[in-house]
Amino acid sequence: MQTLNLEKLPDFARHELEDFYQFLLQKYAGQQQDLNESVPLAPRLVKPFEPLPREAVYER
C-alpha cells in the first residue's frame, strides 16, 4: 500500500481527508459481510411494462 504525504496539503484539505477517512472506516471497516450473504444476484420480479397510449403522450 502506498503512503501519502499530506504535508504538501493545506490544513483544510488535510482535515477533509481525515474526515473522509473516518467516514470510510465507519462505513466499511465495521462490515465484514460474507459475499454469499449479500444481495442476491438473481433478477427480481417487476410489473409488466404498460406503454402509454398515444393520446396520453400528447395531452397537456
Protein backbone atom coordinates (compact mmCIF):
# COMPACT_ATOMS: atom_id res chain seq x y z
CA MET A 1 0.00 0.00 0.00
CA GLN A 2 1.29 3.43 -0.90
CA THR A 3 1.69 6.01 1.88
CA LEU A 4 0.52 9.54 1.27
CA ASN A 5 2.47 12.66 2.15
CA LEU A 6 -0.12 15.10 3.49
CA GLU A 7 2.42 17.75 4.42
CA LYS A 8 2.09 19.34 0.98
CA LEU A 9 -1.63 20.00 1.50
CA PRO A 10 -3.18 22.98 3.27
CA ASP A 11 -4.69 22.41 6.70
CA PHE A 12 -8.31 22.45 5.49
CA ALA A 13 -7.54 19.79 2.85
CA ARG A 14 -5.88 17.56 5.46
CA HIS A 15 -8.91 17.97 7.70
CA GLU A 16 -11.25 17.00 4.83
CA LEU A 17 -9.17 13.90 4.09
CA GLU A 18 -9.19 12.88 7.75
CA ASP A 19 -12.97 13.29 7.89
CA PHE A 20 -13.39 11.24 4.72
CA TYR A 21 -11.09 8.54 6.07
CA GLN A 22 -13.15 8.32 9.28
CA PHE A 23 -16.32 8.07 7.18
CA LEU A 24 -14.85 5.20 5.15
CA LEU A 25 -13.77 3.41 8.32
CA GLN A 26 -17.26 3.67 9.79
CA LYS A 27 -18.91 2.56 6.58
CA TYR A 28 -16.67 -0.33 5.54
CA ALA A 29 -14.39 -1.43 8.39
CA GLY A 30 -17.29 -2.43 10.64
CA GLN A 31 -18.93 -4.52 7.94
CA GLN A 32 -17.30 -7.87 7.46
CA GLN A 33 -20.01 -9.43 5.30
CA ASP A 34 -19.69 -12.72 3.59
CA LEU A 35 -20.11 -12.22 -0.15
CA ASN A 36 -22.58 -15.11 -0.30
CA GLU A 37 -24.87 -13.35 2.19
CA SER A 38 -25.05 -10.06 0.31
CA VAL A 39 -27.78 -9.05 -2.13
CA PRO A 40 -28.77 -11.95 -4.36
CA LEU A 41 -27.74 -11.66 -7.99
CA ALA A 42 -30.95 -13.23 -9.33
CA PRO A 43 -33.29 -10.75 -11.01
CA ARG A 44 -36.33 -9.70 -9.04
CA LEU A 45 -39.89 -9.71 -10.28
CA VAL A 46 -41.15 -6.43 -11.71
CA LYS A 47 -44.50 -5.32 -13.02
CA PRO A 48 -45.01 -5.79 -16.75
CA PHE A 49 -44.39 -2.69 -18.82
CA GLU A 50 -47.54 -0.88 -19.87
CA PRO A 51 -46.90 1.57 -22.72
CA LEU A 52 -48.69 4.89 -22.68
CA PRO A 53 -51.42 5.38 -25.26
CA ARG A 54 -50.66 7.98 -27.92
CA GLU A 55 -53.35 10.30 -26.55
CA ALA A 56 -51.74 10.35 -23.09
CA VAL A 57 -48.36 11.27 -24.54
CA TYR A 58 -49.68 14.32 -26.40
CA GLU A 59 -52.10 15.53 -23.71
CA ARG A 60 -51.31 18.81 -21.98
